[in-house]
């Protein structure tokens, strides 16, 4: 492990970027000579802290320069030619134009459908109004009376209450009583 603010290098690995560092890195990092101290002062990653010598060694992450794999390099920025930029702009313009035309066509079609539905709604309202007028005529009392006359029905005459007939004309009859004690005379007018 290393002191705070410094990075550790694995022991015995050379630094690829500098020839001075490659000569100094062939020596062990742990041995200190007068030339290695001055080199260590210039290379903070090569120094160790005294507090880390008591701790157990852990795996040390290598520097990005030391990773194995393809060597990466920065490519110069490619300039886009004016023709390419003009062609892309024209293509984008026509794509947006085609999208706009498609959306407008859909809006026109939807408005046409809305107009058809409005016309159907007005026709349905007119039909409803006509049918309600026909129902009002059919339910009128004058029409009901005319239909009844056509069917042969007549108006009732004045109402006469029913009166019981005179007592002399009804013969008296005897009816037995339900409790069996005798009979009762019914319908006789005398008393």
N, C-alpha and C. Protein backbone atom coordinates (compact mmCIF):
# COMPACT_ATOMS: atom_id res chain seq x y z
N UNK A 1 0.85 -1.18 0.00
CA UNK A 1 0.00 0.00 0.00
C UNK A 1 0.88 1.23 0.00
N UNK A 2 0.34 2.33 -0.35
CA UNK A 2 1.16 3.53 -0.49
C UNK A 2 0.63 4.63 0.40
N UNK A 3 1.38 5.68 0.48
CA UNK A 3 0.95 6.83 1.28
C UNK A 3 -0.16 7.54 0.55
N UNK A 4 -0.86 8.39 1.28
CA UNK A 4 -1.97 9.12 0.71
C UNK A 4 -1.46 10.06 -0.37
N UNK A 5 -2.10 10.06 -1.51
CA UNK A 5 -1.73 10.97 -2.58
C UNK A 5 -0.73 10.39 -3.55
N UNK A 6 -0.22 9.20 -3.32
CA UNK A 6 0.73 8.60 -4.26
C UNK A 6 0.13 7.32 -4.80
N UNK A 7 0.64 6.90 -5.94
CA UNK A 7 0.18 5.66 -6.54
C UNK A 7 1.29 4.63 -6.47
N UNK A 8 0.94 3.41 -6.24
CA UNK A 8 1.95 2.36 -6.16
C UNK A 8 2.15 1.72 -7.51
N UNK A 9 3.38 1.33 -7.79
CA UNK A 9 3.73 0.60 -9.00
C UNK A 9 4.16 -0.79 -8.58
N UNK A 10 3.83 -1.76 -9.35
CA UNK A 10 4.31 -3.10 -9.02
C UNK A 10 5.84 -3.12 -9.09
N UNK A 11 6.42 -3.94 -8.24
CA UNK A 11 7.87 -4.01 -8.14
C UNK A 11 8.44 -4.62 -9.41
N UNK A 12 9.51 -4.00 -9.94
CA UNK A 12 10.23 -4.55 -11.06
C UNK A 12 9.63 -4.27 -12.41
N UNK A 13 8.56 -3.47 -12.53
CA UNK A 13 7.98 -3.16 -13.84
C UNK A 13 8.51 -1.83 -14.32
N UNK A 14 8.80 -1.75 -15.55
CA UNK A 14 9.40 -0.54 -16.11
C UNK A 14 8.32 0.42 -16.55
N UNK A 15 8.63 1.69 -16.50
CA UNK A 15 7.72 2.71 -16.98
C UNK A 15 8.03 2.93 -18.45
N UNK A 16 7.08 2.73 -19.36
CA UNK A 16 7.39 2.73 -20.78
C UNK A 16 7.65 4.11 -21.37
N UNK A 17 7.29 5.18 -20.72
CA UNK A 17 7.35 6.48 -21.37
C UNK A 17 8.71 7.15 -21.27
N UNK A 18 9.56 6.82 -20.33
CA UNK A 18 10.79 7.57 -20.12
C UNK A 18 11.98 6.62 -20.08
N UNK A 19 13.11 7.00 -20.69
CA UNK A 19 14.30 6.15 -20.66
C UNK A 19 14.98 6.21 -19.31
N UNK A 20 14.91 7.38 -18.63
CA UNK A 20 15.48 7.52 -17.30
C UNK A 20 14.75 6.62 -16.32
N UNK A 21 13.44 6.56 -16.45
CA UNK A 21 12.66 5.74 -15.54
C UNK A 21 12.90 4.26 -15.79
N UNK A 22 13.15 3.87 -17.04
CA UNK A 22 13.35 2.45 -17.31
C UNK A 22 14.67 1.96 -16.73
N UNK A 23 15.68 2.82 -16.71
CA UNK A 23 16.96 2.42 -16.11
C UNK A 23 16.83 2.31 -14.61
N UNK A 24 16.11 3.22 -14.00
CA UNK A 24 15.97 3.20 -12.54
C UNK A 24 15.02 2.10 -12.10
N UNK A 25 14.07 1.68 -12.95
CA UNK A 25 13.09 0.71 -12.51
C UNK A 25 13.63 -0.71 -12.56
N UNK A 26 14.78 -0.93 -13.18
CA UNK A 26 15.33 -2.28 -13.18
C UNK A 26 15.84 -2.66 -11.81
N UNK A 27 16.17 -1.64 -11.00
CA UNK A 27 16.55 -1.92 -9.62
C UNK A 27 15.31 -2.15 -8.79
N UNK A 28 15.44 -2.78 -7.71
CA UNK A 28 14.33 -3.04 -6.81
C UNK A 28 13.89 -1.73 -6.18
N UNK A 29 12.59 -1.59 -5.98
CA UNK A 29 12.06 -0.36 -5.39
C UNK A 29 12.45 -0.28 -3.93
N UNK A 30 12.59 -1.39 -3.28
CA UNK A 30 12.89 -1.40 -1.84
C UNK A 30 14.31 -0.96 -1.52
N UNK A 31 15.27 -1.12 -2.42
CA UNK A 31 16.65 -0.72 -2.13
C UNK A 31 16.81 0.75 -2.40
N UNK A 32 17.51 1.41 -1.50
CA UNK A 32 17.66 2.85 -1.64
C UNK A 32 19.13 3.18 -1.83
N UNK A 33 19.42 3.84 -2.90
CA UNK A 33 20.76 4.35 -3.14
C UNK A 33 20.65 5.84 -3.30
N UNK A 34 21.78 6.46 -3.40
CA UNK A 34 21.75 7.91 -3.52
C UNK A 34 21.09 8.34 -4.82
N UNK A 35 21.32 7.60 -5.90
CA UNK A 35 20.70 7.98 -7.18
C UNK A 35 19.22 7.62 -7.19
N UNK A 36 18.86 6.55 -6.48
CA UNK A 36 17.45 6.18 -6.46
C UNK A 36 16.64 7.12 -5.61
N UNK A 37 17.29 7.76 -4.59
CA UNK A 37 16.54 8.74 -3.80
C UNK A 37 16.20 9.96 -4.61
N UNK A 38 17.13 10.42 -5.37
CA UNK A 38 16.82 11.60 -6.18
C UNK A 38 15.79 11.25 -7.25
N UNK A 39 15.87 10.05 -7.78
CA UNK A 39 14.87 9.62 -8.76
C UNK A 39 13.51 9.42 -8.08
N UNK A 40 13.55 8.92 -6.84
CA UNK A 40 12.32 8.71 -6.10
C UNK A 40 11.68 10.03 -5.74
N UNK A 41 12.49 11.05 -5.51
CA UNK A 41 11.93 12.35 -5.21
C UNK A 41 11.21 12.91 -6.43
N UNK A 42 11.72 12.58 -7.60
CA UNK A 42 11.08 13.03 -8.83
C UNK A 42 9.86 12.18 -9.19
N UNK A 43 9.83 10.94 -8.73
CA UNK A 43 8.75 10.02 -9.05
C UNK A 43 7.98 9.68 -7.78
N UNK A 44 6.89 10.37 -7.47
CA UNK A 44 6.18 10.09 -6.22
C UNK A 44 5.57 8.70 -6.20
N UNK A 45 5.35 8.08 -7.32
CA UNK A 45 4.75 6.76 -7.32
C UNK A 45 5.73 5.68 -6.93
N UNK A 46 7.04 6.02 -6.96
CA UNK A 46 8.05 5.02 -6.63
C UNK A 46 8.41 5.04 -5.15
N UNK A 47 7.95 6.00 -4.39
CA UNK A 47 8.28 6.09 -2.96
C UNK A 47 7.29 5.31 -2.15
N UNK A 48 7.73 4.96 -0.94
CA UNK A 48 6.85 4.25 -0.03
C UNK A 48 6.76 5.03 1.26
N UNK A 49 5.69 4.86 1.93
CA UNK A 49 5.54 5.46 3.24
C UNK A 49 6.03 4.46 4.27
N UNK A 50 6.56 4.96 5.38
CA UNK A 50 7.04 4.06 6.43
C UNK A 50 5.88 3.40 7.14
N UNK A 51 4.72 4.04 7.12
CA UNK A 51 3.57 3.45 7.81
C UNK A 51 3.01 2.26 7.05
N UNK A 52 3.30 2.15 5.79
CA UNK A 52 2.74 1.05 5.01
C UNK A 52 3.56 -0.22 5.13
N UNK A 53 4.80 -0.12 5.64
CA UNK A 53 5.62 -1.31 5.72
C UNK A 53 5.11 -2.28 6.77
N UNK A 54 4.38 -1.79 7.78
CA UNK A 54 3.85 -2.67 8.82
C UNK A 54 2.57 -3.36 8.38
N UNK A 55 1.91 -2.82 7.42
CA UNK A 55 0.64 -3.41 6.97
C UNK A 55 0.91 -4.52 5.97
N UNK A 56 -0.06 -5.39 5.81
CA UNK A 56 0.10 -6.47 4.84
C UNK A 56 -0.08 -5.93 3.44
N UNK A 57 0.62 -6.54 2.50
CA UNK A 57 0.53 -6.08 1.13
C UNK A 57 -0.79 -6.54 0.50
N UNK A 58 -1.40 -5.67 -0.26
CA UNK A 58 -2.63 -6.01 -0.96
C UNK A 58 -2.38 -5.85 -2.46
N UNK A 59 -3.31 -6.30 -3.23
CA UNK A 59 -3.17 -6.19 -4.68
C UNK A 59 -3.16 -4.73 -5.07
N UNK A 60 -2.24 -4.34 -5.91
CA UNK A 60 -2.10 -2.96 -6.32
C UNK A 60 -2.60 -2.84 -7.75
N UNK A 61 -3.41 -1.83 -7.98
CA UNK A 61 -3.95 -1.60 -9.30
C UNK A 61 -2.89 -0.94 -10.17
N UNK A 62 -2.72 -1.39 -11.38
CA UNK A 62 -1.68 -0.84 -12.24
C UNK A 62 -2.14 0.48 -12.84
N UNK A 63 -1.21 1.27 -13.24
CA UNK A 63 -1.51 2.56 -13.85
C UNK A 63 -2.10 2.33 -15.24
N UNK A 64 -2.82 3.32 -15.76
CA UNK A 64 -3.41 3.14 -17.07
C UNK A 64 -2.36 2.92 -18.17
N UNK A 65 -1.15 3.47 -17.99
CA UNK A 65 -0.12 3.29 -19.00
C UNK A 65 0.38 1.85 -19.03
N UNK A 66 0.20 1.10 -17.98
CA UNK A 66 0.76 -0.23 -17.85
C UNK A 66 -0.23 -1.33 -18.20
N UNK A 67 -1.43 -0.99 -18.57
CA UNK A 67 -2.42 -2.03 -18.87
C UNK A 67 -2.05 -2.74 -20.15
N UNK A 68 -2.35 -4.00 -20.17
CA UNK A 68 -2.08 -4.76 -21.38
C UNK A 68 -3.28 -4.63 -22.29
N UNK A 69 -3.05 -4.59 -23.54
CA UNK A 69 -4.13 -4.44 -24.49
C UNK A 69 -3.69 -3.55 -25.62
N UNK A 70 -4.59 -3.21 -26.52
CA UNK A 70 -4.20 -2.39 -27.67
C UNK A 70 -3.80 -1.00 -27.23
N UNK A 71 -2.84 -0.47 -27.88
CA UNK A 71 -2.38 0.88 -27.57
C UNK A 71 -3.36 1.86 -28.21
N UNK A 72 -3.88 2.77 -27.43
CA UNK A 72 -4.87 3.72 -27.91
C UNK A 72 -4.18 5.00 -28.32
N UNK A 73 -4.70 5.63 -29.33
CA UNK A 73 -4.16 6.91 -29.74
C UNK A 73 -5.33 7.81 -30.13
N UNK A 74 -5.10 9.11 -30.05
CA UNK A 74 -6.13 10.09 -30.37
C UNK A 74 -6.07 10.37 -31.86
N UNK A 75 -7.19 10.20 -32.51
CA UNK A 75 -7.26 10.45 -33.94
C UNK A 75 -7.59 11.91 -34.17
N UNK A 76 -7.08 12.47 -35.24
CA UNK A 76 -7.43 13.87 -35.54
C UNK A 76 -8.91 13.96 -35.90
N UNK A 77 -9.47 15.07 -35.61
CA UNK A 77 -10.88 15.27 -35.84
C UNK A 77 -11.16 15.40 -37.33
N UNK A 78 -12.10 14.62 -37.82
CA UNK A 78 -12.44 14.68 -39.24
C UNK A 78 -13.40 15.83 -39.48
N UNK A 79 -13.13 16.59 -40.46
CA UNK A 79 -14.03 17.68 -40.82
C UNK A 79 -15.08 17.14 -41.78
N UNK A 80 -16.28 17.58 -41.57
CA UNK A 80 -17.37 17.17 -42.45
C UNK A 80 -17.39 18.14 -43.62
N UNK A 81 -17.42 17.60 -44.81
CA UNK A 81 -17.39 18.47 -45.99
C UNK A 81 -18.72 19.19 -46.13
N UNK A 82 -18.69 20.26 -46.87
CA UNK A 82 -19.89 21.07 -47.08
C UNK A 82 -20.96 20.31 -47.84
N UNK A 83 -20.53 19.50 -48.80
CA UNK A 83 -21.50 18.72 -49.57
C UNK A 83 -22.21 17.70 -48.68
N UNK A 84 -21.44 17.05 -47.81
CA UNK A 84 -22.05 16.07 -46.91
C UNK A 84 -23.05 16.75 -45.99
N UNK A 85 -22.65 17.90 -45.46
CA UNK A 85 -23.54 18.65 -44.56
C UNK A 85 -24.79 19.11 -45.31
N UNK A 86 -24.62 19.56 -46.53
CA UNK A 86 -25.77 20.00 -47.32
C UNK A 86 -26.68 18.82 -47.63
N UNK A 87 -26.10 17.67 -47.98
CA UNK A 87 -26.91 16.48 -48.27
C UNK A 87 -27.69 16.01 -47.06
N UNK A 88 -27.03 15.99 -45.89
CA UNK A 88 -27.73 15.58 -44.66
C UNK A 88 -28.84 16.57 -44.31
N UNK A 89 -28.56 17.86 -44.49
CA UNK A 89 -29.59 18.87 -44.20
C UNK A 89 -30.79 18.71 -45.12
N UNK A 90 -30.53 18.46 -46.42
CA UNK A 90 -31.63 18.27 -47.37
C UNK A 90 -32.43 17.02 -47.03
N UNK A 91 -31.74 15.94 -46.68
CA UNK A 91 -32.45 14.70 -46.32
C UNK A 91 -33.31 14.92 -45.09
N UNK A 92 -32.76 15.61 -44.09
CA UNK A 92 -33.53 15.89 -42.87
C UNK A 92 -34.74 16.76 -43.18
N UNK A 93 -34.55 17.76 -44.06
CA UNK A 93 -35.66 18.63 -44.45
C UNK A 93 -36.79 17.83 -45.10
N UNK A 94 -36.43 16.91 -46.02
CA UNK A 94 -37.46 16.13 -46.71
C UNK A 94 -38.13 15.13 -45.78
N UNK A 95 -37.41 14.61 -44.81
CA UNK A 95 -38.04 13.70 -43.84
C UNK A 95 -39.04 14.48 -42.99
N UNK A 96 -38.66 15.67 -42.54
CA UNK A 96 -39.58 16.49 -41.75
C UNK A 96 -40.78 16.91 -42.59
N UNK A 97 -40.53 17.26 -43.85
CA UNK A 97 -41.62 17.65 -44.75
C UNK A 97 -42.59 16.50 -44.97
N UNK A 98 -42.06 15.30 -45.21
CA UNK A 98 -42.93 14.12 -45.41
C UNK A 98 -43.73 13.83 -44.15
N UNK A 99 -43.11 13.94 -42.99
CA UNK A 99 -43.84 13.73 -41.73
C UNK A 99 -44.94 14.75 -41.55
N UNK A 100 -44.66 16.00 -41.89
CA UNK A 100 -45.67 17.05 -41.76
C UNK A 100 -46.85 16.80 -42.70
N UNK A 101 -46.56 16.40 -43.93
CA UNK A 101 -47.64 16.12 -44.89
C UNK A 101 -48.49 14.94 -44.42
N UNK A 102 -47.84 13.92 -43.87
CA UNK A 102 -48.58 12.76 -43.37
C UNK A 102 -49.50 13.15 -42.22
N UNK A 103 -48.99 13.96 -41.33
CA UNK A 103 -49.80 14.39 -40.18
C UNK A 103 -50.99 15.23 -40.66
N UNK A 104 -50.76 16.13 -41.62
CA UNK A 104 -51.85 16.94 -42.13
C UNK A 104 -52.91 16.08 -42.83
N UNK A 105 -52.47 15.07 -43.57
CA UNK A 105 -53.42 14.17 -44.24
C UNK A 105 -54.28 13.43 -43.21
N UNK A 106 -53.65 13.00 -42.14
CA UNK A 106 -54.42 12.33 -41.08
C UNK A 106 -55.42 13.28 -40.43
N UNK A 107 -55.01 14.52 -40.23
CA UNK A 107 -55.92 15.51 -39.64
C UNK A 107 -57.11 15.78 -40.56
N UNK A 108 -56.85 15.88 -41.87
CA UNK A 108 -57.94 16.13 -42.83
C UNK A 108 -58.91 14.94 -42.84
N UNK A 109 -58.37 13.74 -42.82
CA UNK A 109 -59.22 12.54 -42.80
C UNK A 109 -60.07 12.49 -41.52
N UNK A 110 -59.46 12.82 -40.41
CA UNK A 110 -60.21 12.82 -39.14
C UNK A 110 -61.30 13.89 -39.15
N UNK A 111 -60.99 15.07 -39.73
CA UNK A 111 -62.00 16.13 -39.80
C UNK A 111 -63.16 15.71 -40.71
N UNK A 112 -62.86 15.02 -41.79
CA UNK A 112 -63.91 14.52 -42.69
C UNK A 112 -64.82 13.54 -41.95
N UNK A 113 -64.23 12.66 -41.17
CA UNK A 113 -65.02 11.69 -40.39
C UNK A 113 -65.89 12.42 -39.35
N UNK A 114 -65.34 13.45 -38.73
CA UNK A 114 -66.11 14.23 -37.75
C UNK A 114 -67.30 14.91 -38.43
N UNK A 115 -67.07 15.45 -39.63
CA UNK A 115 -68.17 16.08 -40.37
C UNK A 115 -69.27 15.08 -40.71
N UNK A 116 -68.88 13.85 -41.12
CA UNK A 116 -69.87 12.81 -41.40
C UNK A 116 -70.68 12.48 -40.15
N UNK A 117 -70.01 12.35 -39.02
CA UNK A 117 -70.72 12.02 -37.78
C UNK A 117 -71.65 13.15 -37.36
N UNK A 118 -71.25 14.41 -37.58
CA UNK A 118 -72.13 15.54 -37.27
C UNK A 118 -73.38 15.51 -38.13
N UNK A 119 -73.22 15.18 -39.42
CA UNK A 119 -74.38 15.10 -40.32
C UNK A 119 -75.32 13.98 -39.88
N UNK A 120 -74.75 12.82 -39.52
CA UNK A 120 -75.58 11.71 -39.03
C UNK A 120 -76.31 12.09 -37.75
N UNK A 121 -75.64 12.83 -36.88
CA UNK A 121 -76.27 13.26 -35.63
C UNK A 121 -77.44 14.20 -35.90
N UNK A 122 -77.27 15.15 -36.85
CA UNK A 122 -78.39 16.05 -37.19
C UNK A 122 -79.56 15.27 -37.79
N UNK A 123 -79.27 14.28 -38.65
CA UNK A 123 -80.35 13.47 -39.22
C UNK A 123 -81.07 12.69 -38.13
N UNK A 124 -80.34 12.15 -37.19
CA UNK A 124 -80.97 11.40 -36.09
C UNK A 124 -81.82 12.31 -35.22
N UNK A 125 -81.37 13.55 -34.99
CA UNK A 125 -82.17 14.49 -34.19
C UNK A 125 -83.46 14.86 -34.91
N UNK A 126 -83.38 15.07 -36.24
CA UNK A 126 -84.60 15.39 -37.01
C UNK A 126 -85.58 14.22 -36.96
N UNK A 127 -85.08 13.00 -37.14
CA UNK A 127 -85.95 11.82 -37.08
C UNK A 127 -86.59 11.69 -35.69
N UNK A 128 -85.82 11.94 -34.65
CA UNK A 128 -86.36 11.87 -33.28
C UNK A 128 -87.47 12.89 -33.09
N UNK A 129 -87.26 14.09 -33.60
CA UNK A 129 -88.28 15.14 -33.47
C UNK A 129 -89.56 14.75 -34.20
N UNK A 130 -89.44 14.18 -35.42
CA UNK A 130 -90.61 13.75 -36.18
C UNK A 130 -91.36 12.62 -35.46
N UNK A 131 -90.61 11.66 -34.91
CA UNK A 131 -91.26 10.55 -34.21
C UNK A 131 -91.98 11.01 -32.94
N UNK A 132 -91.39 11.98 -32.25
CA UNK A 132 -92.09 12.50 -31.06
C UNK A 132 -93.38 13.21 -31.44
N UNK A 133 -93.38 13.91 -32.58
CA UNK A 133 -94.61 14.57 -33.04
C UNK A 133 -95.67 13.53 -33.40
N UNK A 134 -95.25 12.43 -34.05
CA UNK A 134 -96.20 11.37 -34.38
C UNK A 134 -96.78 10.73 -33.13
N UNK A 135 -95.97 10.53 -32.10
CA UNK A 135 -96.46 9.94 -30.84
C UNK A 135 -97.46 10.90 -30.18
N UNK A 136 -97.17 12.20 -30.21
CA UNK A 136 -98.10 13.17 -29.60
C UNK A 136 -99.45 13.16 -30.32
N UNK A 137 -99.44 13.04 -31.65
CA UNK A 137 -100.70 12.99 -32.40
C UNK A 137 -101.44 11.69 -32.09
N UNK A 138 -100.69 10.57 -32.02
CA UNK A 138 -101.33 9.27 -31.78
C UNK A 138 -101.92 9.19 -30.38
N UNK A 139 -101.37 9.90 -29.42
CA UNK A 139 -101.90 9.85 -28.05
C UNK A 139 -102.98 10.88 -27.78
N UNK A 140 -103.36 11.70 -28.74
CA UNK A 140 -104.36 12.75 -28.49
C UNK A 140 -105.74 12.10 -28.28
N UNK A 141 -106.55 12.65 -27.40
CA UNK A 141 -107.88 12.07 -27.13
C UNK A 141 -108.79 12.06 -28.36
N UNK A 142 -108.71 13.07 -29.24
CA UNK A 142 -109.56 13.11 -30.42
C UNK A 142 -109.27 11.92 -31.34
N UNK A 143 -108.00 11.61 -31.53
CA UNK A 143 -107.64 10.49 -32.40
C UNK A 143 -108.08 9.17 -31.78
N UNK A 144 -107.94 9.05 -30.46
CA UNK A 144 -108.36 7.81 -29.80
C UNK A 144 -109.87 7.62 -29.96
N UNK A 145 -110.66 8.69 -29.84
CA UNK A 145 -112.13 8.59 -30.01
C UNK A 145 -112.48 8.21 -31.45
N UNK A 146 -111.77 8.76 -32.42
CA UNK A 146 -112.07 8.44 -33.82
C UNK A 146 -111.73 6.98 -34.11
N UNK A 147 -110.65 6.49 -33.59
CA UNK A 147 -110.29 5.08 -33.80
C UNK A 147 -111.29 4.16 -33.13
N UNK A 148 -111.78 4.54 -31.96
CA UNK A 148 -112.77 3.72 -31.26
C UNK A 148 -114.07 3.65 -32.06
N UNK A 149 -114.51 4.76 -32.67
CA UNK A 149 -115.73 4.76 -33.46
C UNK A 149 -115.57 3.87 -34.69
N UNK A 150 -114.36 3.90 -35.31
CA UNK A 150 -114.14 3.06 -36.48
C UNK A 150 -114.23 1.57 -36.12
N UNK A 151 -113.86 1.24 -34.88
CA UNK A 151 -113.91 -0.15 -34.44
C UNK A 151 -115.32 -0.56 -33.95
N UNK A 152 -116.24 0.37 -33.97
CA UNK A 152 -117.61 0.04 -33.58
C UNK A 152 -117.90 0.28 -32.11
N UNK A 153 -117.06 0.93 -31.42
CA UNK A 153 -117.32 1.23 -30.01
C UNK A 153 -118.18 2.48 -29.92
N UNK A 154 -119.01 2.52 -28.86
CA UNK A 154 -119.90 3.67 -28.65
C UNK A 154 -119.61 4.28 -27.30
N UNK A 155 -120.06 5.53 -27.19
CA UNK A 155 -119.85 6.20 -25.90
C UNK A 155 -120.90 5.70 -24.92
N UNK A 156 -120.49 5.56 -23.69
CA UNK A 156 -121.50 5.10 -22.73
C UNK A 156 -122.53 6.20 -22.49
N UNK A 157 -123.77 5.76 -22.20
CA UNK A 157 -124.83 6.71 -21.88
C UNK A 157 -124.68 7.20 -20.44
N UNK A 158 -125.74 7.88 -19.96
CA UNK A 158 -125.67 8.35 -18.57
C UNK A 158 -125.66 7.16 -17.61
N UNK A 159 -125.02 7.31 -16.54
CA UNK A 159 -124.86 6.23 -15.57
C UNK A 159 -126.13 6.17 -14.72
N UNK A 160 -126.71 4.96 -14.61
CA UNK A 160 -127.90 4.75 -13.79
C UNK A 160 -127.53 3.82 -12.66
N UNK A 161 -127.86 4.22 -11.43
CA UNK A 161 -127.55 3.33 -10.31
C UNK A 161 -128.50 2.14 -10.33
N UNK A 162 -128.06 1.02 -9.87
CA UNK A 162 -128.88 -0.18 -9.81
C UNK A 162 -129.62 -0.19 -8.47
N UNK A 163 -130.93 -0.35 -8.55
CA UNK A 163 -131.73 -0.41 -7.34
C UNK A 163 -132.23 -1.85 -7.18
N UNK A 164 -132.35 -2.27 -5.93
CA UNK A 164 -132.89 -3.61 -5.76
C UNK A 164 -134.39 -3.62 -6.16
N UNK A 165 -134.86 -4.74 -6.67
CA UNK A 165 -136.28 -4.81 -7.07
C UNK A 165 -137.21 -4.74 -5.84
N UNK A 166 -138.45 -4.55 -6.06
CA UNK A 166 -139.42 -4.43 -4.97
C UNK A 166 -139.54 -5.75 -4.22
N UNK A 167 -139.92 -5.71 -2.95
CA UNK A 167 -139.93 -6.87 -2.07
C UNK A 167 -141.04 -7.87 -2.42
N UNK A 168 -142.16 -7.46 -3.02
CA UNK A 168 -143.24 -8.37 -3.32
C UNK A 168 -142.92 -9.34 -4.44
N UNK A 169 -142.12 -8.93 -5.27
CA UNK A 169 -141.86 -9.78 -6.42
C UNK A 169 -140.87 -10.90 -6.13
N UNK A 170 -140.15 -10.83 -5.01
CA UNK A 170 -139.16 -11.85 -4.69
C UNK A 170 -139.81 -12.86 -3.73
N UNK A 171 -139.81 -14.14 -4.09
CA UNK A 171 -140.38 -15.13 -3.16
C UNK A 171 -139.43 -15.37 -2.00
N UNK A 172 -139.96 -15.68 -0.88
CA UNK A 172 -139.17 -15.92 0.32
C UNK A 172 -138.62 -17.32 0.27
N UNK A 173 -137.39 -17.48 0.69
CA UNK A 173 -136.77 -18.79 0.74
C UNK A 173 -136.16 -18.98 2.11
N UNK A 174 -136.10 -20.19 2.53
CA UNK A 174 -135.49 -20.48 3.82
C UNK A 174 -134.10 -21.06 3.58
N UNK A 175 -133.17 -20.57 4.36
CA UNK A 175 -131.78 -21.02 4.24
C UNK A 175 -131.39 -21.61 5.58
N UNK A 176 -130.80 -22.78 5.59
CA UNK A 176 -130.39 -23.35 6.88
C UNK A 176 -129.22 -22.58 7.47
N UNK A 177 -129.18 -22.48 8.73
CA UNK A 177 -128.12 -21.76 9.44
C UNK A 177 -126.94 -22.72 9.61
N UNK A 178 -125.77 -22.18 9.59
CA UNK A 178 -124.57 -23.00 9.61
C UNK A 178 -124.38 -23.72 10.94
N UNK A 179 -124.86 -23.18 12.04
CA UNK A 179 -124.62 -23.86 13.33
C UNK A 179 -125.64 -24.98 13.60
N UNK A 180 -126.59 -25.14 12.68
CA UNK A 180 -127.51 -26.26 12.77
C UNK A 180 -128.70 -26.01 13.70
N UNK A 181 -128.99 -24.84 14.13
CA UNK A 181 -130.09 -24.54 15.05
C UNK A 181 -131.39 -24.31 14.35
N UNK A 182 -131.35 -24.13 13.11
CA UNK A 182 -132.61 -23.89 12.43
C UNK A 182 -132.36 -23.26 11.06
N UNK A 183 -133.33 -22.50 10.61
CA UNK A 183 -133.22 -21.87 9.33
C UNK A 183 -133.71 -20.43 9.42
N UNK A 184 -133.31 -19.64 8.39
CA UNK A 184 -133.67 -18.22 8.37
C UNK A 184 -134.40 -17.97 7.07
N UNK A 185 -135.35 -17.11 7.11
CA UNK A 185 -136.12 -16.78 5.91
C UNK A 185 -135.48 -15.58 5.27
N UNK A 186 -135.23 -15.68 3.96
CA UNK A 186 -134.54 -14.60 3.25
C UNK A 186 -135.43 -14.18 2.08
N UNK A 187 -135.39 -12.86 1.79
CA UNK A 187 -136.08 -12.33 0.60
C UNK A 187 -137.52 -12.00 0.84
N UNK A 188 -138.09 -12.27 1.96
CA UNK A 188 -139.49 -11.93 2.21
C UNK A 188 -139.55 -10.50 2.61
N UNK A 189 -140.50 -9.76 2.07
CA UNK A 189 -140.61 -8.33 2.34
C UNK A 189 -141.40 -8.04 3.61
N UNK A 190 -142.05 -8.91 4.19
CA UNK A 190 -142.85 -8.63 5.35
C UNK A 190 -142.07 -8.70 6.64
N UNK A 191 -142.57 -8.36 7.59
CA UNK A 191 -141.79 -8.44 8.75
C UNK A 191 -142.40 -8.55 9.98
